[in-house]
């Protein structure tokens, strides 16, 4: 069974840091592109960051560029999102996603995780 499972969410003060993890199972992780999305209350889900299967390239939304870093460990079948200098507007449910092509993984992923809540207090 193909599955993505996020962890690492929680409550943090503004200016703080969190690292999210997403563990994959049932897929050949080293051959798929990965992404993080988020959805704040009352808003549509939005793209945050993506990374190619080899980690050779990354792509970020303007709103997180310079503060968030996406990375992956293919041996552990895990993708990470390091979030620094967090702001209250970063509060959302964060989802990891997988896709077969790098452009498509940030617009129409093939697989979604269940999400993990991140709350940033002011």
N, C-alpha and C. Protein backbone atom coordinates (compact mmCIF):
# COMPACT_ATOMS: atom_id res chain seq x y z
N UNK A 1 0.84 -1.19 0.00
CA UNK A 1 0.00 0.00 0.00
C UNK A 1 0.88 1.25 0.00
N UNK A 2 0.61 2.15 -0.94
CA UNK A 2 1.37 3.39 -1.04
C UNK A 2 0.87 4.36 0.02
N UNK A 3 1.80 4.93 0.76
CA UNK A 3 1.40 5.80 1.86
C UNK A 3 2.45 6.86 2.13
N UNK A 4 1.98 8.06 2.47
CA UNK A 4 2.84 9.15 2.95
C UNK A 4 2.36 9.54 4.33
N UNK A 5 3.27 9.64 5.27
CA UNK A 5 2.89 9.97 6.64
C UNK A 5 3.74 11.11 7.17
N UNK A 6 3.09 12.23 7.47
CA UNK A 6 3.78 13.41 7.98
C UNK A 6 3.90 13.35 9.50
N UNK A 7 4.91 14.03 10.02
CA UNK A 7 5.09 14.19 11.46
C UNK A 7 5.91 15.44 11.71
N UNK A 8 5.93 15.86 12.98
CA UNK A 8 6.77 16.99 13.35
C UNK A 8 6.04 18.30 13.56
N UNK A 9 4.74 18.32 13.30
CA UNK A 9 4.00 19.55 13.51
C UNK A 9 3.85 19.86 14.99
N UNK A 10 3.35 21.06 15.30
CA UNK A 10 3.16 21.44 16.68
C UNK A 10 2.94 22.92 16.82
N UNK A 11 3.05 23.39 18.06
CA UNK A 11 2.87 24.80 18.40
C UNK A 11 4.23 25.43 18.65
N UNK A 12 4.47 26.55 18.03
CA UNK A 12 5.75 27.25 18.18
C UNK A 12 5.49 28.76 18.19
N UNK A 13 6.35 29.49 18.87
CA UNK A 13 6.22 30.94 18.89
C UNK A 13 6.79 31.54 17.61
N UNK A 14 6.30 32.71 17.27
CA UNK A 14 6.82 33.42 16.11
C UNK A 14 8.33 33.60 16.24
N UNK A 15 9.03 33.38 15.13
CA UNK A 15 10.48 33.44 15.13
C UNK A 15 11.15 32.10 15.39
N UNK A 16 10.36 31.12 15.79
CA UNK A 16 10.90 29.81 16.10
C UNK A 16 11.04 28.93 14.87
N UNK A 17 11.41 27.67 15.13
CA UNK A 17 11.66 26.71 14.05
C UNK A 17 10.96 25.40 14.31
N UNK A 18 10.65 24.71 13.24
CA UNK A 18 10.13 23.35 13.28
C UNK A 18 10.69 22.60 12.09
N UNK A 19 10.82 21.27 12.24
CA UNK A 19 11.17 20.44 11.10
C UNK A 19 10.09 19.38 10.92
N UNK A 20 9.50 19.40 9.76
CA UNK A 20 8.51 18.39 9.40
C UNK A 20 9.17 17.24 8.67
N UNK A 21 8.64 16.05 8.87
CA UNK A 21 9.12 14.87 8.17
C UNK A 21 7.95 14.20 7.46
N UNK A 22 8.25 13.53 6.37
CA UNK A 22 7.23 12.77 5.64
C UNK A 22 7.87 11.46 5.22
N UNK A 23 7.39 10.36 5.79
CA UNK A 23 7.92 9.04 5.48
C UNK A 23 7.04 8.36 4.45
N UNK A 24 7.68 7.80 3.44
CA UNK A 24 6.96 7.13 2.36
C UNK A 24 7.10 5.62 2.49
N UNK A 25 6.05 4.93 2.08
CA UNK A 25 6.10 3.47 2.05
C UNK A 25 5.33 2.99 0.83
N UNK A 26 5.72 1.83 0.34
CA UNK A 26 5.02 1.25 -0.79
C UNK A 26 5.36 1.88 -2.13
N UNK A 27 6.41 2.72 -2.18
CA UNK A 27 6.83 3.35 -3.44
C UNK A 27 8.34 3.24 -3.56
N UNK A 28 8.81 3.37 -4.79
CA UNK A 28 10.25 3.47 -5.01
C UNK A 28 10.61 4.94 -4.81
N UNK A 29 10.92 5.27 -3.56
CA UNK A 29 11.03 6.68 -3.16
C UNK A 29 12.08 7.42 -3.97
N UNK A 30 13.16 6.77 -4.30
CA UNK A 30 14.27 7.44 -4.99
C UNK A 30 13.93 7.84 -6.41
N UNK A 31 12.77 7.46 -6.90
CA UNK A 31 12.40 7.80 -8.27
C UNK A 31 11.24 8.78 -8.36
N UNK A 32 10.77 9.29 -7.23
CA UNK A 32 9.62 10.19 -7.26
C UNK A 32 9.99 11.57 -6.72
N UNK A 33 9.35 12.57 -7.28
CA UNK A 33 9.53 13.94 -6.83
C UNK A 33 8.57 14.22 -5.68
N UNK A 34 9.01 15.07 -4.77
CA UNK A 34 8.22 15.31 -3.56
C UNK A 34 7.95 16.80 -3.37
N UNK A 35 6.90 17.09 -2.65
CA UNK A 35 6.53 18.49 -2.40
C UNK A 35 5.84 18.62 -1.05
N UNK A 36 5.83 19.84 -0.57
CA UNK A 36 5.05 20.20 0.61
C UNK A 36 4.03 21.26 0.20
N UNK A 37 2.83 21.12 0.74
CA UNK A 37 1.76 22.08 0.57
C UNK A 37 1.24 22.46 1.95
N UNK A 38 0.42 23.49 2.00
CA UNK A 38 -0.22 23.84 3.26
C UNK A 38 -1.60 24.42 3.00
N UNK A 39 -2.44 24.29 4.01
CA UNK A 39 -3.79 24.84 3.92
C UNK A 39 -4.15 25.50 5.25
N UNK A 40 -4.32 26.80 5.20
CA UNK A 40 -4.74 27.56 6.36
C UNK A 40 -6.26 27.55 6.46
N UNK A 41 -6.81 27.78 7.64
CA UNK A 41 -8.26 27.80 7.80
C UNK A 41 -8.93 28.79 6.86
N UNK A 42 -9.93 28.32 6.14
CA UNK A 42 -10.67 29.19 5.25
C UNK A 42 -9.97 29.53 3.94
N UNK A 43 -8.82 28.93 3.71
CA UNK A 43 -8.07 29.21 2.49
C UNK A 43 -7.85 27.94 1.68
N UNK A 44 -7.50 28.13 0.42
CA UNK A 44 -7.21 26.99 -0.44
C UNK A 44 -5.82 26.44 -0.12
N UNK A 45 -5.65 25.17 -0.44
CA UNK A 45 -4.33 24.55 -0.27
C UNK A 45 -3.35 25.22 -1.22
N UNK A 46 -2.14 25.51 -0.72
CA UNK A 46 -1.15 26.19 -1.55
C UNK A 46 0.18 25.45 -1.52
N UNK A 47 0.91 25.58 -2.60
CA UNK A 47 2.23 24.98 -2.74
C UNK A 47 3.23 25.69 -1.84
N UNK A 48 4.14 24.92 -1.25
CA UNK A 48 5.18 25.48 -0.39
C UNK A 48 6.58 25.25 -0.98
N UNK A 49 6.91 23.99 -1.27
CA UNK A 49 8.25 23.66 -1.75
C UNK A 49 8.23 22.30 -2.42
N UNK A 50 9.18 22.09 -3.33
CA UNK A 50 9.30 20.79 -3.99
C UNK A 50 10.77 20.45 -4.20
N UNK A 51 11.01 19.16 -4.42
CA UNK A 51 12.37 18.67 -4.60
C UNK A 51 12.35 17.51 -5.58
N UNK A 52 13.34 17.46 -6.46
CA UNK A 52 13.39 16.37 -7.43
C UNK A 52 13.78 15.07 -6.75
N UNK A 53 13.59 13.96 -7.47
CA UNK A 53 13.86 12.63 -6.91
C UNK A 53 15.31 12.48 -6.46
N UNK A 54 16.23 13.20 -7.16
CA UNK A 54 17.66 13.09 -6.83
C UNK A 54 18.13 14.19 -5.90
N UNK A 55 17.23 15.10 -5.54
CA UNK A 55 17.56 16.27 -4.71
C UNK A 55 18.43 17.28 -5.45
N UNK A 56 18.55 17.13 -6.75
CA UNK A 56 19.38 18.05 -7.53
C UNK A 56 18.77 19.44 -7.64
N UNK A 57 17.45 19.50 -7.60
CA UNK A 57 16.76 20.79 -7.74
C UNK A 57 15.66 20.93 -6.70
N UNK A 58 15.46 22.18 -6.28
CA UNK A 58 14.37 22.51 -5.37
C UNK A 58 13.65 23.74 -5.91
N UNK A 59 12.43 23.93 -5.41
CA UNK A 59 11.63 25.07 -5.85
C UNK A 59 10.78 25.51 -4.66
N UNK A 60 10.66 26.83 -4.47
CA UNK A 60 9.96 27.35 -3.31
C UNK A 60 8.92 28.40 -3.70
N UNK A 61 7.87 28.45 -2.92
CA UNK A 61 6.94 29.57 -3.03
C UNK A 61 7.64 30.83 -2.52
N UNK A 62 7.29 31.95 -3.09
CA UNK A 62 7.93 33.21 -2.69
C UNK A 62 7.73 33.49 -1.20
N UNK A 63 6.61 33.07 -0.67
CA UNK A 63 6.27 33.38 0.72
C UNK A 63 7.18 32.68 1.73
N UNK A 64 7.88 31.62 1.31
CA UNK A 64 8.73 30.88 2.25
C UNK A 64 10.20 30.90 1.83
N UNK A 65 10.49 31.46 0.69
CA UNK A 65 11.87 31.47 0.19
C UNK A 65 12.79 32.15 1.19
N UNK A 66 13.91 31.50 1.50
CA UNK A 66 14.87 32.04 2.44
C UNK A 66 14.59 31.66 3.89
N UNK A 67 13.40 31.11 4.16
CA UNK A 67 13.06 30.70 5.53
C UNK A 67 12.88 29.19 5.64
N UNK A 68 12.37 28.56 4.60
CA UNK A 68 12.11 27.12 4.61
C UNK A 68 13.12 26.42 3.69
N UNK A 69 13.46 25.19 4.07
CA UNK A 69 14.36 24.37 3.26
C UNK A 69 13.79 22.96 3.14
N UNK A 70 13.63 22.50 1.91
CA UNK A 70 13.19 21.13 1.66
C UNK A 70 14.40 20.27 1.38
N UNK A 71 14.38 19.06 1.91
CA UNK A 71 15.48 18.12 1.68
C UNK A 71 14.91 16.70 1.73
N UNK A 72 15.74 15.73 1.37
CA UNK A 72 15.27 14.36 1.39
C UNK A 72 16.41 13.41 1.69
N UNK A 73 16.06 12.26 2.22
CA UNK A 73 17.01 11.18 2.48
C UNK A 73 16.42 9.94 1.82
N UNK A 74 16.92 9.58 0.65
CA UNK A 74 16.33 8.47 -0.10
C UNK A 74 16.54 7.14 0.61
N UNK A 75 17.61 7.02 1.36
CA UNK A 75 17.84 5.78 2.10
C UNK A 75 16.78 5.57 3.18
N UNK A 76 16.30 6.67 3.75
CA UNK A 76 15.27 6.59 4.79
C UNK A 76 13.86 6.79 4.22
N UNK A 77 13.77 7.02 2.90
CA UNK A 77 12.48 7.25 2.25
C UNK A 77 11.71 8.37 2.94
N UNK A 78 12.41 9.44 3.21
CA UNK A 78 11.82 10.55 3.97
C UNK A 78 12.17 11.88 3.33
N UNK A 79 11.20 12.77 3.30
CA UNK A 79 11.43 14.15 2.87
C UNK A 79 11.17 15.04 4.08
N UNK A 80 11.94 16.13 4.15
CA UNK A 80 11.88 17.03 5.29
C UNK A 80 11.52 18.45 4.84
N UNK A 81 10.97 19.21 5.76
CA UNK A 81 10.77 20.63 5.56
C UNK A 81 11.25 21.35 6.82
N UNK A 82 12.41 21.98 6.72
CA UNK A 82 12.93 22.77 7.83
C UNK A 82 12.35 24.17 7.72
N UNK A 83 11.66 24.58 8.77
CA UNK A 83 10.98 25.88 8.76
C UNK A 83 11.59 26.76 9.84
N UNK A 84 12.20 27.85 9.41
CA UNK A 84 12.82 28.81 10.33
C UNK A 84 12.10 30.15 10.25
N UNK A 85 12.34 30.99 11.23
CA UNK A 85 11.75 32.33 11.27
C UNK A 85 10.24 32.27 11.02
N UNK A 86 9.59 31.37 11.72
CA UNK A 86 8.17 31.15 11.49
C UNK A 86 7.34 32.38 11.87
N UNK A 87 6.27 32.57 11.11
CA UNK A 87 5.36 33.70 11.31
C UNK A 87 3.96 33.16 11.59
N UNK A 88 3.12 33.95 12.24
CA UNK A 88 1.74 33.50 12.48
C UNK A 88 1.03 33.11 11.19
N UNK A 89 1.34 33.77 10.10
CA UNK A 89 0.70 33.44 8.83
C UNK A 89 1.17 32.11 8.24
N UNK A 90 2.14 31.47 8.85
CA UNK A 90 2.54 30.13 8.44
C UNK A 90 1.66 29.06 9.07
N UNK A 91 0.78 29.46 9.96
CA UNK A 91 -0.14 28.52 10.60
C UNK A 91 -1.01 27.84 9.55
N UNK A 92 -0.99 26.51 9.54
CA UNK A 92 -1.73 25.74 8.54
C UNK A 92 -1.55 24.26 8.81
N UNK A 93 -2.33 23.47 8.11
CA UNK A 93 -2.06 22.04 8.03
C UNK A 93 -1.09 21.84 6.87
N UNK A 94 0.01 21.16 7.13
CA UNK A 94 1.03 20.93 6.12
C UNK A 94 0.92 19.50 5.60
N UNK A 95 0.93 19.39 4.27
CA UNK A 95 0.79 18.10 3.61
C UNK A 95 2.01 17.82 2.76
N UNK A 96 2.47 16.59 2.76
CA UNK A 96 3.46 16.22 1.77
C UNK A 96 2.76 15.53 0.61
N UNK A 97 3.40 15.57 -0.54
CA UNK A 97 2.81 15.03 -1.75
C UNK A 97 3.90 14.45 -2.63
N UNK A 98 3.51 13.54 -3.49
CA UNK A 98 4.46 12.89 -4.39
C UNK A 98 3.95 12.97 -5.81
N UNK A 99 4.89 13.07 -6.77
CA UNK A 99 4.50 13.12 -8.16
C UNK A 99 5.58 12.58 -9.06
N UNK A 100 5.17 12.17 -10.25
CA UNK A 100 6.13 11.56 -11.17
C UNK A 100 6.98 12.57 -11.90
N UNK A 101 6.48 13.79 -12.09
CA UNK A 101 7.28 14.81 -12.76
C UNK A 101 7.47 16.01 -11.85
N UNK A 102 8.59 16.69 -11.99
CA UNK A 102 8.89 17.83 -11.13
C UNK A 102 7.92 18.99 -11.33
N UNK A 103 7.60 19.35 -12.56
CA UNK A 103 6.63 20.46 -12.72
C UNK A 103 5.26 20.09 -12.16
N UNK A 104 4.84 18.85 -12.36
CA UNK A 104 3.49 18.47 -11.95
C UNK A 104 3.36 18.28 -10.45
N UNK A 105 4.45 17.97 -9.76
CA UNK A 105 4.32 17.70 -8.33
C UNK A 105 3.88 18.94 -7.57
N UNK A 106 4.13 20.13 -8.12
CA UNK A 106 3.70 21.34 -7.43
C UNK A 106 2.36 21.88 -7.95
N UNK A 107 1.78 21.21 -8.92
CA UNK A 107 0.46 21.63 -9.39
C UNK A 107 -0.59 20.53 -9.27
N UNK A 108 -0.20 19.30 -9.53
CA UNK A 108 -1.15 18.20 -9.50
C UNK A 108 -0.44 16.92 -9.07
N UNK A 109 -0.15 16.81 -7.77
CA UNK A 109 0.53 15.61 -7.28
C UNK A 109 -0.32 14.35 -7.46
N UNK A 110 0.36 13.21 -7.44
CA UNK A 110 -0.33 11.94 -7.60
C UNK A 110 -0.77 11.35 -6.27
N UNK A 111 -0.11 11.76 -5.19
CA UNK A 111 -0.35 11.14 -3.89
C UNK A 111 -0.21 12.19 -2.79
N UNK A 112 -1.08 12.10 -1.79
CA UNK A 112 -1.08 13.05 -0.68
C UNK A 112 -0.95 12.31 0.65
N UNK A 113 -0.32 12.99 1.61
CA UNK A 113 -0.35 12.52 2.98
C UNK A 113 -1.58 13.07 3.69
N UNK A 114 -1.71 12.73 4.98
CA UNK A 114 -2.89 13.13 5.75
C UNK A 114 -2.74 14.52 6.37
N UNK A 115 -1.52 15.01 6.47
CA UNK A 115 -1.30 16.35 6.99
C UNK A 115 -0.88 16.39 8.45
N UNK A 116 -0.18 17.46 8.81
CA UNK A 116 0.22 17.69 10.19
C UNK A 116 0.03 19.18 10.49
N UNK A 117 -0.52 19.47 11.67
CA UNK A 117 -0.85 20.84 12.03
C UNK A 117 0.37 21.60 12.52
N UNK A 118 0.55 22.79 11.99
CA UNK A 118 1.58 23.73 12.47
C UNK A 118 0.87 24.99 12.92
N UNK A 119 1.10 25.39 14.17
CA UNK A 119 0.49 26.60 14.70
C UNK A 119 1.59 27.50 15.22
N UNK A 120 1.61 28.73 14.72
CA UNK A 120 2.62 29.71 15.12
C UNK A 120 1.91 30.82 15.89
N UNK A 121 2.29 30.98 17.14
CA UNK A 121 1.66 31.99 17.99
C UNK A 121 2.45 33.30 17.93
N UNK A 122 1.74 34.39 18.07
CA UNK A 122 2.39 35.71 17.99
C UNK A 122 2.85 36.19 19.36
